[in-house]
């Protein structure tokens, strides 16, 4: 792939393809602790072009990389070319302003080798007087932990109010610190002129698979019934388009939908905020999960699109559907999940966002455990230790007709195949079974 276009069209969120143990168990740490926190911090500013429009350009990059090998250099150039597009996905129609509410969002880029990088962005108005243009501070990292990076961006924003020079030592300190293990804290010393040395504590959530997620964002905008329709479409790997104006709303809600699939992972095109120049992504015949700003709704509806589920996150309703969303999931399990989601909705004020995450995730994990949790007993192991999944016997073992009907479709998905492929490789010797 060269340049931003191909890079973006395969942008996916796939924190880990390795299923650890049974679907009900928590996955092992997706990222090894002790890695660098981030690869780059870049500032993307809007520069006026000769025709009077504004184009996003990288105006600051830390660290500057020297002595890169040819392959690394090409990869870096590709990355640096794609970043501005995603920091200002809303086209070139900007005008200088005096006020601009700062916003936080993220995007995902997939490298040629399938590895992923996440861009954590804070878009803000530089301090000053009079009219000026917003700029974006973007941290590029291989690590998925939205809460942690939001806190880092708070610190960057605070320093930006003083001067750019104060950001550098803070980021240098961060770069020299190891990424903490789940539940652990790392403390960073940072000196600020006038106020002295500050200690900044960055704590990683205990449950690593939920650290990129805010389920509350979904529950606040969509009814539990709609969330289940969206989940049903995602489970069968259909095309999903989410609409909202705010970049943070789009990226939060899409990360949350992808996380509902845990312990499976969405393995297709995944672009939380689609830049204007890539709007034709919605014409893809293959599955995708994308977020589009509301201002492009007409443009999107005019495209020659295959069947897709189009969700309006502002009004909390579905604009276009295939029509069978209510019938995909077995009705008994659907009702149980509805009760579970309604319960969290009613106690919304009681729970912290971590508690909401754990409760919501549990309801969906339980769904998978009950549907396909018996997969381990249908892997036939040969003497040399390789496994072969017995699909027919696995489906046959399901006594409920409605459950079996669903599972027969689900086993045909890419996410199920990838999950089983890994399970066939990773035999954990079971006592007394050969």
Protein backbone atom coordinates (compact mmCIF):
# COMPACT_ATOMS: atom_id res chain seq x y z
CA UNK A 1 0.00 0.00 0.00
CA UNK A 2 1.28 3.46 -0.70
CA UNK A 3 -0.03 6.69 0.74
CA UNK A 4 -3.00 7.24 2.97
CA UNK A 5 -5.73 5.73 0.84
CA UNK A 6 -4.90 2.03 0.89
CA UNK A 7 -3.60 2.45 4.39
CA UNK A 8 -6.91 3.80 5.57
CA UNK A 9 -9.12 1.43 3.70
CA UNK A 10 -7.75 -1.48 5.66
CA UNK A 11 -7.67 0.40 8.94
CA UNK A 12 -8.98 -2.07 11.45
CA UNK A 13 -9.21 -2.49 15.14
CA UNK A 14 -7.90 -5.84 16.03
CA UNK A 15 -6.10 -5.59 19.34
CA UNK A 16 -5.32 -9.29 19.46
CA UNK A 17 -6.25 -12.26 17.40
CA UNK A 18 -5.16 -14.71 20.04
CA UNK A 19 -8.05 -16.26 21.93
CA UNK A 20 -6.76 -17.29 25.32
CA UNK A 21 -8.62 -20.15 26.95
CA UNK A 22 -12.38 -20.29 26.76
CA UNK A 23 -14.54 -17.39 25.49
CA UNK A 24 -15.64 -16.61 29.06
CA UNK A 25 -12.13 -16.10 30.35
CA UNK A 26 -10.33 -12.80 30.21
CA UNK A 27 -7.76 -12.63 27.48
CA UNK A 28 -4.15 -12.37 28.51
CA UNK A 29 -2.46 -8.97 28.25
CA UNK A 30 -2.90 -7.80 24.67
CA UNK A 31 0.25 -5.71 24.75
CA UNK A 32 3.35 -6.54 26.67
CA UNK A 33 4.00 -4.09 29.45
CA UNK A 34 7.33 -2.32 29.35
CA UNK A 35 7.04 -1.23 25.71
CA UNK A 36 7.48 2.39 24.70
CA UNK A 37 4.40 4.44 25.51
CA UNK A 38 4.37 5.99 22.05
CA UNK A 39 6.26 6.23 18.79
CA UNK A 40 5.60 9.83 17.79
CA UNK A 41 3.97 13.00 18.95
CA UNK A 42 3.05 15.18 15.98
CA UNK A 43 1.29 18.52 15.70
CA UNK A 44 -0.91 18.94 12.66
CA UNK A 45 -1.78 22.51 11.65
CA UNK A 46 -3.91 23.96 8.89
CA UNK A 47 -1.90 25.72 6.19
CA UNK A 48 -3.45 27.97 3.56
CA UNK A 49 -3.02 26.73 -0.03
CA UNK A 50 -2.76 28.97 -3.11
CA UNK A 51 -6.50 28.57 -3.83
CA UNK A 52 -7.42 29.88 -0.38
CA UNK A 53 -8.35 26.53 1.16
CA UNK A 54 -6.68 25.00 4.19
CA UNK A 55 -4.66 21.82 4.10
CA UNK A 56 -3.55 19.87 7.20
CA UNK A 57 0.25 19.55 7.48
CA UNK A 58 2.58 18.17 10.15
CA UNK A 59 4.34 21.14 11.70
CA UNK A 60 6.12 19.40 14.60
CA UNK A 61 7.36 15.86 15.10
CA UNK A 62 8.95 14.31 18.18
CA UNK A 63 11.21 12.40 18.14
CA UNK A 64 12.84 13.04 14.79
CA UNK A 65 14.12 9.72 13.52
CA UNK A 66 17.66 9.52 12.15
CA UNK A 67 19.44 6.61 10.45
CA UNK A 68 16.33 4.69 9.45
CA UNK A 69 16.69 1.67 7.18
CA UNK A 70 15.08 1.94 3.74
CA UNK A 71 11.99 -0.12 4.67
CA UNK A 72 11.51 1.78 7.93
CA UNK A 73 11.89 5.09 6.12
CA UNK A 74 9.17 4.17 3.61
CA UNK A 75 6.88 3.05 6.40
CA UNK A 76 7.50 6.29 8.31
CA UNK A 77 6.76 8.37 5.21
CA UNK A 78 3.51 6.48 4.62
CA UNK A 79 2.49 6.97 8.23
CA UNK A 80 3.33 10.68 8.23
CA UNK A 81 1.40 11.14 4.99
CA UNK A 82 -1.75 9.48 6.37
CA UNK A 83 -1.82 11.20 9.80
CA UNK A 84 -2.96 14.72 8.71
CA UNK A 85 -5.94 13.23 6.84
CA UNK A 86 -7.22 11.59 10.00
CA UNK A 87 -6.50 14.56 12.27
CA UNK A 88 -8.68 16.79 10.06
CA UNK A 89 -11.08 14.33 8.42
CA UNK A 90 -13.66 17.09 7.98
CA UNK A 91 -12.31 18.44 4.71
CA UNK A 92 -10.76 21.82 3.96
CA UNK A 93 -13.63 24.18 4.74
CA UNK A 94 -12.08 25.92 7.73
CA UNK A 95 -12.11 29.52 8.77
CA UNK A 96 -10.20 31.10 11.66
CA UNK A 97 -12.27 31.30 14.88
CA UNK A 98 -12.00 32.82 18.34
CA UNK A 99 -13.57 29.88 20.19
CA UNK A 100 -13.34 26.14 19.64
CA UNK A 101 -14.24 23.42 22.16
CA UNK A 102 -11.33 20.99 22.35
CA UNK A 103 -12.14 17.38 21.40
CA UNK A 104 -10.49 14.00 21.84
CA UNK A 105 -10.76 11.17 19.34
CA UNK A 106 -8.69 8.32 17.94
CA UNK A 107 -8.05 6.50 14.69
CA UNK A 108 -6.42 3.23 13.65
CA UNK A 109 -3.96 2.65 10.80
CA UNK A 110 -2.94 -0.77 9.52
CA UNK A 111 0.57 -1.34 8.18
CA UNK A 112 1.35 -3.50 5.18
CA UNK A 113 2.39 -6.33 7.53
CA UNK A 114 -0.97 -6.19 9.33
CA UNK A 115 0.38 -4.54 12.51
CA UNK A 116 -1.63 -1.60 13.80
CA UNK A 117 -0.98 1.84 15.14
CA UNK A 118 -3.46 4.01 17.00
CA UNK A 119 -3.53 7.79 16.73
CA UNK A 120 -4.81 9.54 19.87
CA UNK A 121 -5.83 13.09 19.01
CA UNK A 122 -6.66 16.28 20.88
CA UNK A 123 -7.93 19.06 18.66
CA UNK A 124 -7.73 22.48 20.29
CA UNK A 125 -7.34 26.17 19.67
CA UNK A 126 -3.81 27.44 20.43
CA UNK A 127 -3.84 30.04 23.19
CA UNK A 128 -3.74 33.63 22.03
CA UNK A 129 -6.06 36.49 21.08
CA UNK A 130 -8.08 37.12 17.97
CA UNK A 131 -9.05 34.63 15.32
CA UNK A 132 -6.89 31.53 14.80
CA UNK A 133 -7.11 27.99 13.50
CA UNK A 134 -7.37 24.81 15.55
CA UNK A 135 -4.45 22.40 15.59
CA UNK A 136 -4.23 18.72 16.52
CA UNK A 137 -1.81 17.05 18.90
CA UNK A 138 -1.60 13.42 17.83
CA UNK A 139 0.20 10.66 19.71
CA UNK A 140 0.94 7.57 17.62
CA UNK A 141 1.24 4.36 19.62
CA UNK A 142 0.92 0.60 19.14
CA UNK A 143 -0.77 0.46 22.54
CA UNK A 144 -4.54 0.55 22.93
CA UNK A 145 -5.50 2.39 26.10
CA UNK A 146 -7.84 5.30 25.48
CA UNK A 147 -8.22 6.49 29.10
CA UNK A 148 -4.50 6.62 29.69
CA UNK A 149 -3.75 8.56 26.50
CA UNK A 150 -6.62 11.01 27.19
CA UNK A 151 -4.88 11.83 30.45
CA UNK A 152 -1.55 12.31 28.63
CA UNK A 153 -3.30 14.64 26.16
CA UNK A 154 -4.73 16.64 29.10
CA UNK A 155 -1.14 17.21 30.24
CA UNK A 156 -0.05 18.16 26.71
CA UNK A 157 -2.93 20.63 26.44
CA UNK A 158 -2.10 22.16 29.83
CA UNK A 159 1.52 22.67 28.73
CA UNK A 160 0.45 24.03 25.34
CA UNK A 161 -1.21 26.94 27.17
CA UNK A 162 2.25 27.86 28.54
CA UNK A 163 4.44 27.11 25.49
CA UNK A 164 5.42 24.39 23.06
CA UNK A 165 8.84 24.20 24.75
CA UNK A 166 7.28 22.79 27.94
CA UNK A 167 5.72 19.84 26.07
CA UNK A 168 9.03 18.42 24.93
CA UNK A 169 10.58 17.44 28.34
CA UNK A 170 7.26 15.90 29.44
CA UNK A 171 7.06 13.71 26.31
CA UNK A 172 10.75 12.82 26.69
CA UNK A 173 10.05 11.65 30.27
CA UNK A 174 7.10 9.63 29.04
CA UNK A 175 9.17 8.04 26.29
CA UNK A 176 11.75 6.90 28.82
CA UNK A 177 9.11 5.29 31.06
CA UNK A 178 7.98 1.70 30.53
CA UNK A 179 4.30 1.10 29.71
CA UNK A 180 2.71 -0.20 32.96
CA UNK A 181 1.17 -3.66 33.30
CA UNK A 182 -2.65 -3.80 33.79
CA UNK A 183 -3.66 -2.30 37.14
CA UNK A 184 -0.20 -0.77 37.68
CA UNK A 185 0.87 2.88 37.78
CA UNK A 186 3.84 4.71 36.35
CA UNK A 187 4.87 8.10 37.78
CA UNK A 188 6.38 10.77 35.58
CA UNK A 189 8.24 13.78 36.90
CA UNK A 190 7.68 16.93 34.97
CA UNK A 191 8.97 20.43 35.55
CA UNK A 192 6.75 23.39 34.70
CA UNK A 193 8.10 26.96 34.88
CA UNK A 194 6.41 29.00 37.66
CA UNK A 195 4.90 25.92 39.32
CA UNK A 196 7.90 23.62 39.82
CA UNK A 197 8.15 19.85 39.51
CA UNK A 198 4.92 17.90 39.17
CA UNK A 199 4.41 14.17 39.60
CA UNK A 200 1.95 12.73 37.11
CA UNK A 201 0.53 9.29 37.82
CA UNK A 202 -0.69 7.21 34.90
CA UNK A 203 -2.61 4.08 35.86
CA UNK A 204 -3.64 1.32 33.50
CA UNK A 205 -7.04 -0.34 34.07
CA UNK A 206 -7.00 -3.85 35.52
CA UNK A 207 -8.96 -5.36 32.64
CA UNK A 208 -6.77 -4.94 29.57
CA UNK A 209 -9.41 -5.82 26.98
CA UNK A 210 -11.64 -2.92 28.06
CA UNK A 211 -9.05 -0.17 28.16
CA UNK A 212 -9.98 1.19 24.76
CA UNK A 213 -13.67 1.31 25.52
CA UNK A 214 -16.41 3.53 26.90
CA UNK A 215 -19.71 1.59 26.71
CA UNK A 216 -21.47 4.50 28.40
CA UNK A 217 -21.02 6.46 25.15
CA UNK A 218 -23.27 3.91 23.40
CA UNK A 219 -25.81 3.57 26.22
CA UNK A 220 -26.26 7.35 26.35
CA UNK A 221 -27.10 7.58 22.65
CA UNK A 222 -28.86 4.37 21.70
CA UNK A 223 -31.60 2.25 23.23
CA UNK A 224 -30.61 -1.27 24.34
CA UNK A 225 -32.85 -2.61 21.55
CA UNK A 226 -30.85 -0.70 18.93
CA UNK A 227 -27.54 -1.75 20.45
CA UNK A 228 -28.62 -5.37 20.01
CA UNK A 229 -29.57 -4.76 16.35
CA UNK A 230 -26.13 -3.25 15.77
CA UNK A 231 -24.43 -6.13 17.61
CA UNK A 232 -26.39 -8.67 15.51
CA UNK A 233 -25.24 -6.96 12.29
CA UNK A 234 -21.64 -6.82 13.47
CA UNK A 235 -21.65 -10.48 14.54
CA UNK A 236 -22.64 -11.48 11.00
CA UNK A 237 -19.95 -9.15 9.59
CA UNK A 238 -22.19 -6.80 7.66
CA UNK A 239 -21.60 -3.21 6.58
CA UNK A 240 -22.14 -0.65 9.37
CA UNK A 241 -22.10 3.13 9.01
CA UNK A 242 -22.31 5.42 12.04
CA UNK A 243 -23.15 9.11 11.75
CA UNK A 244 -22.47 11.94 14.20
CA UNK A 245 -20.91 15.38 13.94
CA UNK A 246 -18.42 15.10 16.81
CA UNK A 247 -15.25 13.14 16.15
CA UNK A 248 -15.09 11.99 19.76
CA UNK A 249 -18.66 10.64 19.64
CA UNK A 250 -17.88 8.68 16.46
CA UNK A 251 -14.61 7.19 17.64
CA UNK A 252 -15.93 6.33 21.14
CA UNK A 253 -19.10 4.66 19.86
CA UNK A 254 -17.35 2.65 17.15
CA UNK A 255 -14.65 1.38 19.51
CA UNK A 256 -17.48 0.36 21.86
CA UNK A 257 -19.35 -1.57 19.13
CA UNK A 258 -16.15 -3.39 18.11
CA UNK A 259 -15.52 -4.25 21.77
CA UNK A 260 -18.96 -5.91 22.10
CA UNK A 261 -17.58 -8.70 19.91
CA UNK A 262 -14.96 -9.75 22.49
CA UNK A 263 -13.44 -12.40 22.64
CA UNK A 264 -13.78 -12.22 18.84
CA UNK A 265 -12.33 -9.35 16.85
CA UNK A 266 -13.58 -7.37 13.87
CA UNK A 267 -11.19 -8.32 11.08
CA UNK A 268 -12.42 -6.09 8.26
CA UNK A 269 -12.18 -2.42 7.25
CA UNK A 270 -12.51 -0.31 10.37
CA UNK A 271 -12.30 3.51 10.19
CA UNK A 272 -13.75 5.31 13.24
CA UNK A 273 -13.72 8.65 11.39
CA UNK A 274 -13.60 8.55 7.59
CA UNK A 275 -11.73 11.50 6.02
CA UNK A 276 -13.71 13.34 3.32
CA UNK A 277 -11.45 12.05 0.52
CA UNK A 278 -12.20 8.43 1.49
CA UNK A 279 -16.01 8.64 1.58
CA UNK A 280 -16.25 6.14 -1.28
CA UNK A 281 -15.26 3.48 1.28
CA UNK A 282 -19.03 3.05 1.72
CA UNK A 283 -19.21 1.54 -1.78
CA UNK A 284 -17.08 -1.44 -0.73
CA UNK A 285 -18.79 -4.78 -1.29
CA UNK A 286 -16.87 -6.23 1.68
CA UNK A 287 -17.78 -5.78 5.39
CA UNK A 288 -16.82 -2.49 7.05
CA UNK A 289 -17.44 -0.51 10.21
CA UNK A 290 -17.02 3.22 9.62
CA UNK A 291 -17.87 6.57 11.20
CA UNK A 292 -18.91 9.51 9.05
CA UNK A 293 -19.56 13.10 10.03
CA UNK A 294 -23.21 14.12 9.70
CA UNK A 295 -22.31 16.89 7.22
CA UNK A 296 -21.57 14.20 4.62
CA UNK A 297 -24.88 12.36 5.00
CA UNK A 298 -26.25 13.44 1.58
CA UNK A 299 -23.00 12.51 -0.15
CA UNK A 300 -23.06 9.09 1.48
CA UNK A 301 -26.70 8.38 0.63
CA UNK A 302 -26.00 9.32 -3.00
CA UNK A 303 -23.29 6.64 -3.29
CA UNK A 304 -24.10 3.34 -5.03
CA UNK A 305 -24.08 1.31 -1.82
CA UNK A 306 -24.71 -2.33 -1.04
CA UNK A 307 -27.06 -3.12 1.86
CA UNK A 308 -25.80 -1.50 5.05
CA UNK A 309 -26.98 -0.58 8.52
CA UNK A 310 -26.85 3.22 8.89
CA UNK A 311 -27.03 4.50 12.47
CA UNK A 312 -27.66 8.13 13.45
CA UNK A 313 -25.91 8.60 16.81
CA UNK A 314 -27.29 12.14 17.25
CA UNK A 315 -30.96 11.16 17.12
CA UNK A 316 -30.38 7.61 18.38
CA UNK A 317 -32.10 5.91 15.48
CA UNK A 318 -31.45 3.68 12.50
CA UNK A 319 -31.73 5.44 9.12
CA UNK A 320 -31.34 2.37 6.93
CA UNK A 321 -31.45 -1.32 7.76
CA UNK A 322 -31.43 -4.67 6.01
CA UNK A 323 -34.69 -5.47 7.78
CA UNK A 324 -33.97 -8.75 9.54
CA UNK A 325 -31.92 -7.33 12.44
CA UNK A 326 -34.54 -8.35 15.02
CA UNK A 327 -34.45 -11.99 13.95
CA UNK A 328 -30.69 -12.63 13.85
CA UNK A 329 -30.12 -13.38 17.53
CA UNK A 330 -32.10 -16.16 19.26
CA UNK A 331 -35.07 -14.47 20.92
CA UNK A 332 -34.60 -15.96 24.40
CA UNK A 333 -30.99 -14.81 24.63
CA UNK A 334 -31.92 -11.49 23.07
CA UNK A 335 -34.43 -10.87 25.86
CA UNK A 336 -31.91 -11.77 28.55
CA UNK A 337 -29.37 -9.35 27.08
CA UNK A 338 -32.05 -6.64 26.86
CA UNK A 339 -32.88 -7.09 30.54
CA UNK A 340 -29.22 -6.90 31.38
CA UNK A 341 -28.67 -3.69 29.33
CA UNK A 342 -31.84 -2.08 30.70
CA UNK A 343 -30.67 -2.79 34.22
CA UNK A 344 -27.39 -0.93 33.61
CA UNK A 345 -29.27 1.87 31.92
CA UNK A 346 -31.52 2.40 34.94
CA UNK A 347 -28.59 2.52 37.36
CA UNK A 348 -26.48 4.68 35.09
CA UNK A 349 -25.65 7.15 37.86
CA UNK A 350 -24.60 4.48 40.32
CA UNK A 351 -21.83 2.90 38.28
CA UNK A 352 -18.42 4.21 37.40
CA UNK A 353 -17.50 3.89 33.75
CA UNK A 354 -15.28 0.88 34.62
CA UNK A 355 -18.25 -0.85 36.27
CA UNK A 356 -20.51 -0.13 33.29
CA UNK A 357 -17.79 -1.53 30.99
CA UNK A 358 -17.48 -4.72 33.02
CA UNK A 359 -21.26 -5.25 33.31
CA UNK A 360 -21.99 -4.64 29.63
CA UNK A 361 -19.05 -6.73 28.45
CA UNK A 362 -20.12 -9.59 30.71
CA UNK A 363 -23.60 -9.71 29.13
CA UNK A 364 -22.11 -10.09 25.63
CA UNK A 365 -19.34 -12.50 26.69
CA UNK A 366 -22.03 -14.70 28.28
CA UNK A 367 -23.93 -14.70 24.99
CA UNK A 368 -20.87 -16.14 23.22
CA UNK A 369 -20.14 -18.60 26.02
CA UNK A 370 -23.66 -20.01 25.75
CA UNK A 371 -23.63 -20.08 21.98
CA UNK A 372 -20.15 -21.37 21.15
CA UNK A 373 -18.47 -22.04 24.52
CA UNK A 374 -18.44 -25.77 23.77
CA UNK A 375 -15.96 -25.31 20.89
CA UNK A 376 -13.04 -26.77 22.88
CA UNK A 377 -14.65 -30.21 23.08
CA UNK A 378 -14.99 -30.28 19.27
CA UNK A 379 -11.33 -29.85 18.41
CA UNK A 380 -9.81 -33.20 17.51
CA UNK A 381 -6.14 -33.41 18.41
CA UNK A 382 -3.71 -35.56 16.42
CA UNK A 383 -0.65 -37.20 17.95
CA UNK A 384 1.64 -34.48 16.65
CA UNK A 385 -0.37 -31.90 18.60
CA UNK A 386 -2.22 -30.20 15.74
CA UNK A 387 -5.95 -29.67 16.14
CA UNK A 388 -8.82 -29.94 13.68
CA UNK A 389 -12.16 -28.31 14.44
CA UNK A 390 -15.18 -30.57 13.85
CA UNK A 391 -17.70 -28.01 12.61
CA UNK A 392 -20.61 -30.38 11.93
CA UNK A 393 -20.43 -32.11 15.30
CA UNK A 394 -20.03 -28.72 16.98
CA UNK A 395 -23.27 -27.38 15.40
CA UNK A 396 -25.10 -30.65 15.97
CA UNK A 397 -24.30 -30.54 19.68
CA UNK A 398 -26.59 -27.48 20.06
CA UNK A 399 -29.99 -28.74 21.14
CA UNK A 400 -32.01 -25.52 20.67
CA UNK A 401 -33.15 -25.09 17.06
CA UNK A 402 -33.04 -21.27 17.15
CA UNK A 403 -29.55 -21.30 18.68
CA UNK A 404 -28.33 -23.77 16.06
CA UNK A 405 -29.74 -21.62 13.24
CA UNK A 406 -27.72 -18.64 14.50
CA UNK A 407 -24.51 -20.61 15.11
CA UNK A 408 -24.60 -22.11 11.58
CA UNK A 409 -24.34 -18.55 10.23
CA UNK A 410 -21.81 -17.41 12.81
CA UNK A 411 -19.34 -20.26 12.08
CA UNK A 412 -19.07 -18.92 8.50
CA UNK A 413 -17.74 -15.54 9.63
CA UNK A 414 -14.14 -14.45 9.37
CA UNK A 415 -13.96 -13.65 13.09
CA UNK A 416 -15.02 -17.17 14.07
CA UNK A 417 -12.55 -18.77 11.61
CA UNK A 418 -9.65 -16.67 12.95
CA UNK A 419 -10.60 -17.54 16.51
CA UNK A 420 -10.73 -21.28 15.73
CA UNK A 421 -7.47 -21.16 13.75
CA UNK A 422 -5.73 -19.86 16.86
CA UNK A 423 -7.48 -22.42 19.07
CA UNK A 424 -6.30 -25.25 16.80
CA UNK A 425 -2.72 -24.07 17.25
CA UNK A 426 -2.70 -23.52 20.98
CA UNK A 427 -3.37 -26.81 22.64
CA UNK A 428 -3.38 -26.62 26.38
CA UNK A 429 -2.99 -30.27 27.49
CA UNK A 430 -6.10 -31.26 29.37
CA UNK A 431 -5.75 -33.67 32.26
CA UNK A 432 -6.76 -37.21 31.43
CA UNK A 433 -7.70 -36.33 27.80
CA UNK A 434 -5.63 -37.43 24.89
